[in-house]
Structures are given as structure tokens and as C-alpha cells.
């Protein structure tokens, strides 16, 4: 996964934890929709592995 993609996902998680869902979606959507099939698979796995990052739960 490109560093810029990971950074956007991490930023989206931070925004979501701070109740800024619209901004989080605006941050994550462009990298998700522009990803090729290989990066999409990496994004999907990252989201599964980091679901707690979005909720702040451990």
C-alpha cells in the first residue's frame, strides 16, 4: 500500500474518533476509489486489522 494511502486511512480513523465522520469519508474515499485491485485488497485488510482505530476501542 502506498504511504499516502495509509496516511489517508490513518487520518480518517483519527477524524472518526473525533466525531468528524464527513471529513473522514472525504479523506478516505478518494484513495479507496482510486486504488487498483491489489491496493484495494491491502486497504480491505488494513481496515479489518485496524477497525478499533476508528472506534477507539481496544
N, C-alpha and C. Protein backbone atom coordinates (compact mmCIF):
# COMPACT_ATOMS: atom_id res chain seq x y z
N UNK A 1 0.85 -1.17 0.00
CA UNK A 1 0.00 0.00 0.00
C UNK A 1 0.91 1.24 0.00
N UNK A 2 0.51 2.21 -0.77
CA UNK A 2 1.29 3.45 -0.81
C UNK A 2 1.22 4.16 0.54
N UNK A 3 2.31 4.86 0.88
CA UNK A 3 2.33 5.62 2.13
C UNK A 3 1.21 6.64 2.19
N UNK A 4 0.91 7.28 1.07
CA UNK A 4 -0.15 8.29 1.04
C UNK A 4 -1.52 7.67 1.33
N UNK A 5 -1.72 6.45 0.88
CA UNK A 5 -2.98 5.75 1.15
C UNK A 5 -3.09 5.43 2.63
N UNK A 6 -2.03 4.87 3.19
CA UNK A 6 -2.04 4.53 4.62
C UNK A 6 -2.23 5.78 5.47
N UNK A 7 -1.58 6.85 5.09
CA UNK A 7 -1.73 8.10 5.83
C UNK A 7 -3.18 8.60 5.78
N UNK A 8 -3.80 8.52 4.62
CA UNK A 8 -5.20 8.96 4.49
C UNK A 8 -6.12 8.10 5.36
N UNK A 9 -5.88 6.80 5.40
CA UNK A 9 -6.70 5.91 6.23
C UNK A 9 -6.49 6.19 7.71
N UNK A 10 -5.25 6.43 8.10
CA UNK A 10 -4.97 6.75 9.50
C UNK A 10 -5.62 8.08 9.88
N UNK A 11 -5.57 9.05 8.98
CA UNK A 11 -6.21 10.35 9.24
C UNK A 11 -7.71 10.18 9.34
N UNK A 12 -8.30 9.37 8.48
CA UNK A 12 -9.74 9.12 8.54
C UNK A 12 -10.13 8.47 9.86
N UNK A 13 -9.31 7.57 10.35
CA UNK A 13 -9.58 6.93 11.65
C UNK A 13 -9.55 7.97 12.75
N UNK A 14 -8.56 8.85 12.71
CA UNK A 14 -8.45 9.91 13.72
C UNK A 14 -9.67 10.83 13.67
N UNK A 15 -10.07 11.22 12.48
CA UNK A 15 -11.24 12.09 12.35
C UNK A 15 -12.51 11.40 12.85
N UNK A 16 -12.65 10.11 12.55
CA UNK A 16 -13.82 9.36 13.00
C UNK A 16 -13.88 9.32 14.52
N UNK A 17 -12.75 9.06 15.17
CA UNK A 17 -12.73 9.04 16.63
C UNK A 17 -13.12 10.39 17.23
N UNK A 18 -12.91 11.43 16.46
CA UNK A 18 -13.24 12.78 16.93
C UNK A 18 -14.60 13.25 16.41
N UNK A 19 -15.45 12.30 16.05
CA UNK A 19 -16.81 12.58 15.59
C UNK A 19 -16.86 13.51 14.39
N UNK A 20 -15.92 13.34 13.47
CA UNK A 20 -15.87 14.14 12.26
C UNK A 20 -15.98 13.20 11.05
N UNK A 21 -17.10 12.49 11.01
CA UNK A 21 -17.29 11.43 10.02
C UNK A 21 -17.30 11.95 8.59
N UNK A 22 -17.92 13.08 8.35
CA UNK A 22 -17.98 13.62 6.99
C UNK A 22 -16.57 13.91 6.47
N UNK A 23 -15.75 14.51 7.30
CA UNK A 23 -14.36 14.78 6.92
C UNK A 23 -13.57 13.48 6.75
N UNK A 24 -13.86 12.51 7.59
CA UNK A 24 -13.18 11.22 7.49
C UNK A 24 -13.49 10.56 6.15
N UNK A 25 -14.75 10.59 5.77
CA UNK A 25 -15.14 10.00 4.48
C UNK A 25 -14.51 10.76 3.32
N UNK A 26 -14.48 12.08 3.42
CA UNK A 26 -13.88 12.88 2.36
C UNK A 26 -12.38 12.62 2.23
N UNK A 27 -11.76 12.24 3.31
CA UNK A 27 -10.33 11.93 3.32
C UNK A 27 -10.06 10.54 2.74
N UNK A 28 -10.86 9.57 3.13
CA UNK A 28 -10.60 8.18 2.75
C UNK A 28 -11.16 7.81 1.37
N UNK A 29 -12.28 8.38 1.00
CA UNK A 29 -12.94 7.96 -0.23
C UNK A 29 -12.06 8.08 -1.49
N UNK A 30 -11.35 9.17 -1.69
CA UNK A 30 -10.55 9.26 -2.92
C UNK A 30 -9.47 8.18 -3.05
N UNK A 31 -8.83 7.84 -1.94
CA UNK A 31 -7.79 6.81 -2.04
C UNK A 31 -8.40 5.43 -2.21
N UNK A 32 -9.56 5.22 -1.63
CA UNK A 32 -10.23 3.92 -1.77
C UNK A 32 -10.73 3.73 -3.18
N UNK A 33 -11.37 4.75 -3.74
CA UNK A 33 -11.94 4.61 -5.08
C UNK A 33 -10.90 4.62 -6.19
N UNK A 34 -9.72 5.16 -5.93
CA UNK A 34 -8.69 5.20 -6.97
C UNK A 34 -7.72 4.03 -6.90
N UNK A 35 -7.86 3.18 -5.92
CA UNK A 35 -6.95 2.04 -5.75
C UNK A 35 -7.19 0.98 -6.82
N UNK A 36 -6.10 0.36 -7.26
CA UNK A 36 -6.24 -0.76 -8.17
C UNK A 36 -6.64 -2.00 -7.37
N UNK A 37 -6.80 -3.12 -8.05
CA UNK A 37 -7.30 -4.32 -7.37
C UNK A 37 -6.36 -4.81 -6.28
N UNK A 38 -5.05 -4.64 -6.46
CA UNK A 38 -4.09 -5.11 -5.47
C UNK A 38 -4.08 -4.20 -4.24
N UNK A 39 -4.08 -2.90 -4.48
CA UNK A 39 -4.12 -1.99 -3.34
C UNK A 39 -5.47 -2.07 -2.64
N UNK A 40 -6.53 -2.30 -3.37
CA UNK A 40 -7.85 -2.47 -2.75
C UNK A 40 -7.84 -3.62 -1.75
N UNK A 41 -7.19 -4.70 -2.11
CA UNK A 41 -7.09 -5.85 -1.21
C UNK A 41 -6.30 -5.47 0.04
N UNK A 42 -5.22 -4.69 -0.14
CA UNK A 42 -4.43 -4.24 1.00
C UNK A 42 -5.23 -3.29 1.88
N UNK A 43 -6.01 -2.42 1.27
CA UNK A 43 -6.85 -1.49 2.03
C UNK A 43 -7.89 -2.27 2.83
N UNK A 44 -8.54 -3.23 2.18
CA UNK A 44 -9.55 -4.05 2.86
C UNK A 44 -8.95 -4.73 4.08
N UNK A 45 -7.76 -5.31 3.92
CA UNK A 45 -7.11 -5.99 5.05
C UNK A 45 -6.72 -5.00 6.12
N UNK A 46 -6.23 -3.83 5.74
CA UNK A 46 -5.86 -2.80 6.71
C UNK A 46 -7.09 -2.38 7.52
N UNK A 47 -8.21 -2.20 6.84
CA UNK A 47 -9.43 -1.81 7.54
C UNK A 47 -9.88 -2.89 8.52
N UNK A 48 -9.76 -4.13 8.13
CA UNK A 48 -10.11 -5.24 9.04
C UNK A 48 -9.19 -5.24 10.24
N UNK A 49 -7.89 -5.10 9.98
CA UNK A 49 -6.89 -5.14 11.05
C UNK A 49 -6.96 -3.94 11.98
N UNK A 50 -7.48 -2.82 11.49
CA UNK A 50 -7.46 -1.57 12.24
C UNK A 50 -8.86 -1.02 12.57
N UNK A 51 -9.85 -1.89 12.59
CA UNK A 51 -11.21 -1.44 12.89
C UNK A 51 -11.28 -0.70 14.21
N UNK A 52 -10.52 -1.14 15.20
CA UNK A 52 -10.52 -0.48 16.50
C UNK A 52 -9.97 0.94 16.44
N UNK A 53 -9.16 1.23 15.44
CA UNK A 53 -8.63 2.59 15.27
C UNK A 53 -9.76 3.60 15.02
N UNK A 54 -10.83 3.12 14.41
CA UNK A 54 -11.94 4.01 14.09
C UNK A 54 -12.90 4.20 15.27
N UNK A 55 -12.93 3.24 16.16
CA UNK A 55 -13.86 3.34 17.29
C UNK A 55 -13.20 3.77 18.59
N UNK A 56 -11.87 3.63 18.63
CA UNK A 56 -11.16 3.96 19.85
C UNK A 56 -11.25 2.86 20.88
N UNK A 57 -11.82 1.70 20.50
CA UNK A 57 -11.94 0.57 21.41
C UNK A 57 -10.70 -0.31 21.31
N UNK A 58 -10.40 -0.98 22.40
CA UNK A 58 -9.24 -1.87 22.42
C UNK A 58 -9.70 -3.30 22.58
